[in-house]
Amino acid sequence: MQNMEDIVLDENEEALAPAVVIATVALLAVFVVGFLIAAVGLVA
């Protein structure tokens, strides 16, 4: 993880932030969709 932190610190924060936000939103979207599918499956 230290290597990842070094890479993040070396990158331009303004250029890196959007990518982090997009990745986070994408992961959350996948989790939410999976949870909804599981919930519907349990109910049905």
Protein backbone atom coordinates (compact mmCIF):
# COMPACT_ATOMS: atom_id res chain seq x y z
CA MET A 1 0.00 0.00 0.00
CA GLN A 2 2.93 2.33 0.62
CA ASN A 3 3.82 2.16 -3.06
CA MET A 4 0.25 3.13 -3.98
CA GLU A 5 0.42 6.09 -1.59
CA ASP A 6 3.71 7.20 -3.12
CA ILE A 7 2.19 7.03 -6.61
CA VAL A 8 -0.85 9.02 -5.47
CA LEU A 9 1.35 11.67 -3.84
CA ASP A 10 3.48 11.92 -6.99
CA GLU A 11 0.44 12.41 -9.23
CA ASN A 12 -1.31 15.75 -9.68
CA GLU A 13 -4.20 15.73 -7.21
CA GLU A 14 -6.43 17.78 -9.51
CA ALA A 15 -5.94 15.26 -12.32
CA LEU A 16 -6.23 12.23 -10.03
CA ALA A 17 -9.37 13.25 -8.11
CA PRO A 18 -11.86 12.71 -10.98
CA ALA A 19 -10.51 9.21 -11.62
CA VAL A 20 -10.86 8.34 -7.93
CA VAL A 21 -14.41 9.70 -7.85
CA ILE A 22 -15.38 7.77 -10.99
CA ALA A 23 -13.85 4.55 -9.64
CA THR A 24 -15.58 5.00 -6.28
CA VAL A 25 -18.97 5.70 -7.88
CA ALA A 26 -18.54 2.72 -10.20
CA LEU A 27 -17.76 0.38 -7.29
CA LEU A 28 -20.72 1.73 -5.31
CA ALA A 29 -23.00 1.32 -8.34
CA VAL A 30 -21.92 -2.30 -8.82
CA PHE A 31 -22.45 -2.99 -5.11
CA VAL A 32 -25.90 -1.36 -5.09
CA VAL A 33 -27.02 -3.19 -8.25
CA GLY A 34 -25.79 -6.49 -6.84
CA PHE A 35 -27.56 -5.81 -3.55
CA LEU A 36 -30.83 -4.95 -5.33
CA ILE A 37 -30.63 -8.12 -7.44
CA ALA A 38 -29.98 -10.19 -4.30
CA ALA A 39 -32.87 -8.49 -2.46
CA VAL A 40 -35.28 -9.10 -5.36
CA GLY A 41 -34.09 -12.69 -5.56
CA LEU A 42 -34.77 -13.24 -1.86
CA VAL A 43 -38.21 -11.62 -2.05
CA ALA A 44 -39.15 -13.51 -5.22
